[in-house]
Amino acid sequence: MLFVSRESATFFYVKRQVEAACDLAFGPGRMRVRVIDIADRPDLAEKHNIEALPTVIAGTRRFIGVPVAENLAAFLGSLPPTDKIS
């Protein structure tokens, strides 16, 4: 899950980087990114204790901040099988 604000100047950049990271980590088109705008779903932001944006949640781990696709792909690829995004 990608928690963002669509009002952010970096929204489209962040979304592209997360999609590219998923393609690098799992293969092109194998993973769909669930984008959650905190303005639309404050309940989910609260449930997942989102304190900073953007935040990517994969299993029990978080990647916080504006990602670079290669760094996020390495993070996703290093997750234990139980934390991998399904």
N, C-alpha and C. Protein backbone atom coordinates (compact mmCIF):
# COMPACT_ATOMS: atom_id res chain seq x y z
N MET A 1 0.84 -1.17 0.00
CA MET A 1 0.00 0.00 0.00
C MET A 1 0.89 1.24 0.00
N LEU A 2 0.48 2.20 -0.78
CA LEU A 2 1.18 3.48 -0.84
C LEU A 2 0.26 4.55 -0.28
N PHE A 3 0.65 5.12 0.84
CA PHE A 3 -0.11 6.22 1.44
C PHE A 3 0.49 7.53 0.98
N VAL A 4 -0.36 8.39 0.40
CA VAL A 4 0.10 9.66 -0.16
C VAL A 4 -0.98 10.71 0.01
N SER A 5 -0.62 11.91 -0.40
CA SER A 5 -1.59 12.98 -0.58
C SER A 5 -1.55 13.34 -2.06
N ARG A 6 -2.68 13.24 -2.73
CA ARG A 6 -2.73 13.58 -4.16
C ARG A 6 -2.46 15.07 -4.37
N GLU A 7 -2.55 15.85 -3.31
CA GLU A 7 -2.27 17.28 -3.40
C GLU A 7 -0.77 17.58 -3.40
N SER A 8 0.03 16.60 -3.08
CA SER A 8 1.48 16.79 -3.00
C SER A 8 2.07 17.02 -4.39
N ALA A 9 3.05 17.90 -4.45
CA ALA A 9 3.74 18.17 -5.72
C ALA A 9 4.50 16.95 -6.22
N THR A 10 4.82 16.01 -5.33
CA THR A 10 5.59 14.83 -5.72
C THR A 10 4.72 13.60 -5.98
N PHE A 11 3.40 13.75 -5.92
CA PHE A 11 2.50 12.58 -6.02
C PHE A 11 2.80 11.71 -7.24
N PHE A 12 2.82 12.29 -8.44
CA PHE A 12 2.99 11.48 -9.65
C PHE A 12 4.38 10.87 -9.72
N TYR A 13 5.39 11.60 -9.28
CA TYR A 13 6.75 11.06 -9.24
C TYR A 13 6.81 9.85 -8.31
N VAL A 14 6.26 10.00 -7.11
CA VAL A 14 6.28 8.92 -6.12
C VAL A 14 5.54 7.70 -6.66
N LYS A 15 4.38 7.90 -7.23
CA LYS A 15 3.59 6.78 -7.77
C LYS A 15 4.38 6.04 -8.85
N ARG A 16 5.02 6.77 -9.77
CA ARG A 16 5.83 6.14 -10.82
C ARG A 16 7.00 5.36 -10.22
N GLN A 17 7.66 5.93 -9.21
CA GLN A 17 8.80 5.25 -8.59
C GLN A 17 8.37 3.96 -7.90
N VAL A 18 7.24 3.99 -7.21
CA VAL A 18 6.74 2.79 -6.53
C VAL A 18 6.35 1.72 -7.55
N GLU A 19 5.68 2.11 -8.62
CA GLU A 19 5.33 1.16 -9.68
C GLU A 19 6.58 0.56 -10.31
N ALA A 20 7.58 1.39 -10.58
CA ALA A 20 8.84 0.91 -11.16
C ALA A 20 9.55 -0.04 -10.20
N ALA A 21 9.52 0.26 -8.92
CA ALA A 21 10.14 -0.61 -7.91
C ALA A 21 9.47 -1.97 -7.87
N CYS A 22 8.15 -1.99 -7.95
CA CYS A 22 7.42 -3.27 -7.96
C CYS A 22 7.78 -4.07 -9.21
N ASP A 23 7.90 -3.40 -10.36
CA ASP A 23 8.30 -4.09 -11.59
C ASP A 23 9.70 -4.67 -11.45
N LEU A 24 10.61 -3.92 -10.85
CA LEU A 24 11.98 -4.41 -10.66
C LEU A 24 12.02 -5.57 -9.67
N ALA A 25 11.27 -5.49 -8.61
CA ALA A 25 11.33 -6.50 -7.55
C ALA A 25 10.56 -7.78 -7.91
N PHE A 26 9.45 -7.64 -8.62
CA PHE A 26 8.56 -8.79 -8.84
C PHE A 26 8.35 -9.15 -10.30
N GLY A 27 8.81 -8.31 -11.22
CA GLY A 27 8.60 -8.54 -12.65
C GLY A 27 7.54 -7.58 -13.17
N PRO A 28 7.71 -7.14 -14.42
CA PRO A 28 6.79 -6.15 -15.00
C PRO A 28 5.32 -6.61 -14.96
N GLY A 29 4.49 -5.73 -14.44
CA GLY A 29 3.05 -5.97 -14.43
C GLY A 29 2.54 -7.02 -13.46
N ARG A 30 3.41 -7.58 -12.62
CA ARG A 30 2.98 -8.64 -11.70
C ARG A 30 2.39 -8.10 -10.41
N MET A 31 2.61 -6.82 -10.12
CA MET A 31 2.15 -6.25 -8.87
C MET A 31 1.41 -4.95 -9.14
N ARG A 32 0.23 -4.83 -8.58
CA ARG A 32 -0.53 -3.59 -8.69
C ARG A 32 -0.38 -2.81 -7.39
N VAL A 33 -0.11 -1.55 -7.51
CA VAL A 33 0.09 -0.70 -6.32
C VAL A 33 -1.26 -0.16 -5.87
N ARG A 34 -1.57 -0.36 -4.62
CA ARG A 34 -2.79 0.21 -4.04
C ARG A 34 -2.44 1.58 -3.48
N VAL A 35 -2.96 2.63 -4.11
CA VAL A 35 -2.67 4.00 -3.72
C VAL A 35 -3.80 4.48 -2.81
N ILE A 36 -3.43 4.96 -1.63
CA ILE A 36 -4.41 5.44 -0.67
C ILE A 36 -4.12 6.90 -0.37
N ASP A 37 -5.06 7.75 -0.75
CA ASP A 37 -4.96 9.19 -0.46
C ASP A 37 -5.49 9.39 0.96
N ILE A 38 -4.65 9.94 1.82
CA ILE A 38 -5.06 10.09 3.21
C ILE A 38 -6.24 11.03 3.39
N ALA A 39 -6.46 11.93 2.43
CA ALA A 39 -7.62 12.83 2.51
C ALA A 39 -8.91 12.05 2.28
N ASP A 40 -8.85 11.02 1.42
CA ASP A 40 -10.02 10.21 1.13
C ASP A 40 -10.24 9.11 2.17
N ARG A 41 -9.16 8.60 2.74
CA ARG A 41 -9.25 7.48 3.68
C ARG A 41 -8.46 7.73 4.96
N PRO A 42 -8.87 8.75 5.73
CA PRO A 42 -8.16 9.00 6.99
C PRO A 42 -8.26 7.83 7.96
N ASP A 43 -9.31 7.04 7.83
CA ASP A 43 -9.48 5.87 8.69
C ASP A 43 -8.35 4.86 8.48
N LEU A 44 -7.96 4.64 7.22
CA LEU A 44 -6.86 3.71 6.95
C LEU A 44 -5.52 4.28 7.40
N ALA A 45 -5.35 5.58 7.23
CA ALA A 45 -4.11 6.22 7.70
C ALA A 45 -3.99 6.05 9.21
N GLU A 46 -5.08 6.23 9.91
CA GLU A 46 -5.06 6.07 11.37
C GLU A 46 -4.84 4.61 11.75
N LYS A 47 -5.53 3.70 11.08
CA LYS A 47 -5.40 2.27 11.37
C LYS A 47 -3.95 1.80 11.22
N HIS A 48 -3.26 2.34 10.21
CA HIS A 48 -1.88 1.92 9.94
C HIS A 48 -0.84 2.87 10.55
N ASN A 49 -1.31 3.78 11.40
CA ASN A 49 -0.41 4.72 12.10
C ASN A 49 0.52 5.47 11.15
N ILE A 50 -0.04 6.04 10.10
CA ILE A 50 0.74 6.79 9.13
C ILE A 50 1.06 8.16 9.74
N GLU A 51 2.36 8.43 9.87
CA GLU A 51 2.79 9.69 10.48
C GLU A 51 3.55 10.58 9.49
N ALA A 52 3.97 10.02 8.36
CA ALA A 52 4.72 10.79 7.36
C ALA A 52 4.33 10.29 5.98
N LEU A 53 4.45 11.17 5.01
CA LEU A 53 4.10 10.82 3.63
C LEU A 53 5.28 11.09 2.72
N PRO A 54 5.42 10.30 1.69
CA PRO A 54 4.70 9.08 1.39
C PRO A 54 5.21 7.92 2.25
N THR A 55 4.36 6.93 2.45
CA THR A 55 4.72 5.72 3.17
C THR A 55 4.26 4.51 2.36
N VAL A 56 5.17 3.57 2.16
CA VAL A 56 4.84 2.29 1.53
C VAL A 56 4.82 1.25 2.64
N ILE A 57 3.73 0.50 2.71
CA ILE A 57 3.63 -0.59 3.68
C ILE A 57 3.62 -1.91 2.91
N ALA A 58 4.54 -2.79 3.28
CA ALA A 58 4.62 -4.13 2.71
C ALA A 58 4.71 -5.11 3.86
N GLY A 59 3.62 -5.84 4.09
CA GLY A 59 3.59 -6.74 5.23
C GLY A 59 3.67 -5.96 6.52
N THR A 60 4.69 -6.24 7.31
CA THR A 60 4.87 -5.55 8.59
C THR A 60 5.92 -4.45 8.53
N ARG A 61 6.48 -4.21 7.34
CA ARG A 61 7.56 -3.22 7.21
C ARG A 61 7.11 -2.00 6.45
N ARG A 62 7.84 -0.90 6.66
CA ARG A 62 7.52 0.39 6.04
C ARG A 62 8.73 0.99 5.36
N PHE A 63 8.45 1.69 4.28
CA PHE A 63 9.45 2.51 3.60
C PHE A 63 8.86 3.91 3.61
N ILE A 64 9.50 4.82 4.31
CA ILE A 64 8.96 6.17 4.49
C ILE A 64 9.84 7.16 3.75
N GLY A 65 9.20 8.04 2.99
CA GLY A 65 9.91 9.07 2.25
C GLY A 65 9.78 8.89 0.76
N VAL A 66 10.27 9.87 0.02
CA VAL A 66 10.20 9.83 -1.45
C VAL A 66 11.18 8.76 -1.92
N PRO A 67 10.67 7.71 -2.58
CA PRO A 67 11.55 6.60 -2.95
C PRO A 67 12.24 6.82 -4.29
N VAL A 68 13.37 6.15 -4.42
CA VAL A 68 14.03 5.96 -5.71
C VAL A 68 13.75 4.49 -6.04
N ALA A 69 13.31 4.22 -7.26
CA ALA A 69 12.84 2.88 -7.62
C ALA A 69 13.82 1.78 -7.23
N GLU A 70 15.09 1.95 -7.50
CA GLU A 70 16.08 0.91 -7.22
C GLU A 70 16.19 0.64 -5.72
N ASN A 71 16.16 1.68 -4.90
CA ASN A 71 16.25 1.50 -3.44
C ASN A 71 15.00 0.80 -2.90
N LEU A 72 13.84 1.21 -3.37
CA LEU A 72 12.60 0.58 -2.91
C LEU A 72 12.53 -0.86 -3.40
N ALA A 73 12.98 -1.13 -4.62
CA ALA A 73 12.99 -2.51 -5.14
C ALA A 73 13.88 -3.39 -4.27
N ALA A 74 15.03 -2.87 -3.86
CA ALA A 74 15.92 -3.64 -2.98
C ALA A 74 15.23 -3.92 -1.64
N PHE A 75 14.53 -2.92 -1.12
CA PHE A 75 13.79 -3.08 0.13
C PHE A 75 12.72 -4.17 -0.04
N LEU A 76 11.94 -4.08 -1.11
CA LEU A 76 10.87 -5.07 -1.34
C LEU A 76 11.44 -6.46 -1.56
N GLY A 77 12.54 -6.55 -2.29
CA GLY A 77 13.16 -7.84 -2.55
C GLY A 77 13.78 -8.48 -1.32
N SER A 78 14.10 -7.67 -0.31
CA SER A 78 14.73 -8.19 0.91
C SER A 78 13.72 -8.65 1.96
N LEU A 79 12.44 -8.44 1.70
CA LEU A 79 11.43 -8.82 2.68
C LEU A 79 11.34 -10.33 2.82
N PRO A 80 11.11 -10.82 4.04
CA PRO A 80 10.89 -12.26 4.21
C PRO A 80 9.61 -12.66 3.47
N PRO A 81 9.49 -13.94 3.05
CA PRO A 81 8.32 -14.37 2.29
C PRO A 81 6.98 -14.02 2.95
N THR A 82 6.92 -14.00 4.27
CA THR A 82 5.66 -13.69 4.95
C THR A 82 5.29 -12.22 4.85
N ASP A 83 6.27 -11.34 4.52
CA ASP A 83 5.99 -9.92 4.41
C ASP A 83 5.84 -9.46 2.96
N LYS A 84 6.09 -10.33 2.01
CA LYS A 84 6.00 -9.92 0.61
C LYS A 84 4.58 -9.50 0.29
N ILE A 85 4.47 -8.56 -0.62
CA ILE A 85 3.16 -8.10 -1.05
C ILE A 85 2.53 -9.20 -1.89
N SER A 86 1.26 -9.46 -1.69
CA SER A 86 0.60 -10.51 -2.48
C SER A 86 -0.48 -9.93 -3.35
